[in-house]
Protein backbone atom coordinates (compact mmCIF):
# COMPACT_ATOMS: atom_id res chain seq x y z
CA MET A 1 -20.45 -25.28 0.12
CA THR A 2 -17.47 -24.09 2.17
CA ILE A 3 -14.56 -22.34 0.47
CA LEU A 4 -11.18 -22.12 2.15
CA SER A 5 -9.14 -19.19 0.83
CA ARG A 6 -5.94 -17.37 1.52
CA ILE A 7 -6.10 -13.60 1.03
CA ILE A 8 -3.63 -10.79 1.47
CA ILE A 9 -4.89 -7.35 2.43
CA GLU A 10 -2.46 -4.43 2.15
CA ILE A 11 -2.76 -0.93 3.57
CA VAL A 12 -0.62 2.13 2.79
CA GLY A 13 -0.86 5.21 4.95
CA SER A 14 0.79 7.89 6.99
CA PRO A 15 1.86 8.05 9.73
CA LYS A 16 2.96 4.53 10.64
CA GLU A 17 0.42 4.25 13.47
CA HIS A 18 -2.42 5.23 11.15
CA ALA A 19 -1.58 2.46 8.67
CA SER A 20 -1.59 -0.10 11.50
CA LYS A 21 -4.84 1.24 12.93
CA VAL A 22 -6.61 1.17 9.55
CA LEU A 23 -5.50 -2.41 8.96
CA GLU A 24 -6.80 -3.45 12.38
CA THR A 25 -10.13 -1.73 11.64
CA VAL A 26 -10.40 -3.58 8.31
CA LEU A 27 -9.58 -6.89 10.02
CA ASP A 28 -12.16 -6.26 12.76
CA LYS A 29 -14.79 -5.65 10.09
CA LEU A 30 -13.80 -8.82 8.21
CA ARG A 31 -13.89 -10.88 11.43
CA GLY A 32 -17.46 -9.67 11.96
CA GLU A 33 -18.67 -10.57 8.47
CA LYS A 34 -21.53 -13.04 8.41
CA GLY A 35 -20.53 -16.17 6.51
CA VAL A 36 -16.78 -15.59 7.02
CA LYS A 37 -14.53 -17.27 9.55
CA VAL A 38 -10.90 -16.19 9.93
CA MET A 39 -8.92 -19.39 10.47
CA LYS A 40 -5.35 -18.02 10.45
CA GLU A 41 -4.02 -14.50 10.64
CA ASN A 42 -0.51 -13.13 10.18
CA VAL A 43 -0.14 -9.34 10.41
CA GLY A 44 3.09 -7.82 9.13
CA GLU A 45 5.01 -4.99 10.73
CA PRO A 46 4.61 -1.65 8.92
CA GLN A 47 7.50 -0.84 6.58
CA GLU A 48 8.33 2.64 5.30
CA LEU A 49 8.02 2.86 1.53
CA LYS A 50 11.33 3.68 -0.16
CA GLU A 51 9.64 5.28 -3.16
CA LEU A 52 7.25 7.37 -1.05
CA LYS A 53 8.97 8.72 2.06
CA GLY A 54 6.72 9.23 5.06
CA PHE A 55 4.26 6.54 3.95
CA TRP A 56 4.04 3.10 5.48
CA SER A 57 2.84 -0.23 4.15
CA THR A 58 1.47 -3.08 6.21
CA PHE A 59 -0.40 -6.26 5.37
CA ALA A 60 -2.39 -9.17 6.72
CA ASP A 61 -2.02 -12.69 5.34
CA LEU A 62 -5.26 -14.49 6.18
CA GLU A 63 -6.77 -17.91 5.76
CA ILE A 64 -10.54 -17.61 5.71
CA GLU A 65 -13.44 -19.98 5.46
CA ILE A 66 -16.38 -18.70 3.44
CA GLU A 67 -19.84 -20.22 3.27
CA GLU A 68 -20.65 -19.43 -0.36
CA LEU A 69 -19.17 -18.24 -3.63
CA GLU A 70 -21.16 -14.97 -3.54
CA LYS A 71 -19.48 -14.07 -0.26
CA LEU A 72 -16.06 -14.59 -1.82
CA LEU A 73 -16.91 -12.05 -4.53
CA ASP A 74 -18.27 -9.66 -1.89
CA ILE A 75 -14.97 -9.87 -0.02
CA CYS A 76 -13.07 -9.16 -3.23
CA PHE A 77 -15.08 -5.99 -3.86
CA ASP A 78 -15.42 -4.83 -0.25
CA TYR A 79 -11.85 -5.47 0.94
CA MET A 80 -9.91 -5.36 -2.35
CA PRO A 81 -7.32 -7.98 -1.38
CA SER A 82 -4.10 -7.76 -3.34
CA SER A 83 -4.09 -11.53 -3.73
CA ILE A 84 -6.50 -14.40 -3.29
CA GLU A 85 -5.88 -18.14 -3.46
CA ILE A 86 -8.69 -20.68 -3.26
CA ILE A 87 -7.32 -23.63 -1.30
CA GLU A 88 -10.44 -25.79 -1.10
CA PRO A 89 -12.41 -27.17 -2.80
CA GLN A 90 -10.17 -28.27 -5.63
CA SER A 91 -13.08 -27.94 -8.06
CA LEU A 92 -16.54 -26.41 -8.12
CA ASN A 93 -19.68 -27.63 -9.79
CA VAL A 94 -21.70 -24.46 -10.37
CA ASP A 95 -25.09 -24.31 -12.06
CA MET A 96 -24.94 -22.03 -15.13
CA ARG A 97 -27.91 -19.96 -13.95
CA HIS A 98 -26.14 -19.40 -10.64
CA MET A 99 -22.90 -18.49 -12.43
CA THR A 100 -24.75 -16.11 -14.75
CA ASN A 101 -26.26 -14.35 -11.73
CA LEU A 102 -22.82 -14.06 -10.09
CA VAL A 103 -21.26 -12.58 -13.20
CA ASN A 104 -24.16 -10.14 -13.68
CA ASP A 105 -23.91 -9.03 -10.04
CA MET A 106 -20.18 -8.49 -10.53
CA LEU A 107 -20.81 -6.47 -13.70
CA THR A 108 -23.37 -4.30 -11.92
CA ARG A 109 -20.80 -3.45 -9.24
CA LEU A 110 -18.13 -2.73 -11.85
CA HIS A 111 -20.50 -0.42 -13.74
CA ASP A 112 -21.35 1.38 -10.49
CA TYR A 113 -17.66 1.88 -9.70
CA ASN A 114 -17.00 3.02 -13.25
CA MET A 115 -19.77 5.63 -12.99
CA VAL A 116 -18.31 6.96 -9.74
CA ILE A 117 -14.88 7.24 -11.34
CA LYS A 118 -16.29 9.04 -14.39
CA ASN A 119 -18.20 11.50 -12.18
CA ILE A 120 -15.13 12.24 -10.06
CA HIS A 121 -13.04 12.68 -13.20
CA ALA A 122 -15.59 15.11 -14.68
CA GLU A 123 -15.73 17.08 -11.42
CA ASN A 124 -11.94 17.20 -11.33
CA ILE A 125 -11.80 18.61 -14.87
CA LEU A 126 -14.44 21.23 -13.98
CA LEU A 127 -12.58 22.25 -10.81
CA LYS A 128 -9.30 22.57 -12.73
CA LYS A 129 -11.01 24.80 -15.32
CA ARG A 130 -12.49 26.97 -12.57
CA LEU A 131 -9.11 27.23 -10.83
CA ASP A 132 -7.40 28.15 -14.09
CA SER A 133 -10.09 30.76 -14.73
CA LEU A 134 -9.61 32.28 -11.27
CA GLU A 135 -5.85 32.35 -11.73
CA ASP A 136 -6.28 34.05 -15.11
CA LYS A 137 -8.60 36.67 -13.58
CA ASN A 138 -6.14 37.36 -10.79
CA LEU A 139 -3.29 37.77 -13.29
CA TYR A 140 -5.47 40.02 -15.44
CA LYS A 141 -6.07 42.29 -12.43
CA GLY A 142 -2.34 42.49 -11.91
CA GLU A 143 -2.27 40.07 -8.97
CA LYS A 144 0.13 37.17 -9.08
CA THR A 145 -0.50 33.80 -7.47
CA ASP A 146 2.28 31.90 -5.73
CA GLU A 147 2.14 29.15 -8.36
CA LYS A 148 2.43 31.56 -11.30
CA ASN A 149 5.06 33.54 -9.41
CA GLY A 150 7.18 30.44 -8.93
CA ALA A 151 7.18 30.84 -5.15
């Protein structure tokens, strides 16, 4: 089964050249994916973000042909497109066992990502506590940090 899709991949970065380079690297990787054929490609010019000065946003609007439904899900997880539109086929006839496997694979990836986020969050809390403790010790010794000093 071949699936024709339109996806939009967005990159934000700084400086402008870096955002463009990262997008090109992502597109090169996608072009090399087994089971994926890039049919059309429109790359936008980087635009400076109004709400975040010094950061640039760029995008690629792609039409891709994918050999199987699993690959479409892989692309969603690996490239995190901001938008995806399935153009063809207009309908899919998917065996329930196959669909169950797809959903379970997706859930496994989501659980893995969730565990990474929870671990990073816990580490962040621990580092903040250690930093606060060090700042308290420095203040106790009569030393003042720049942050506590207001400088």
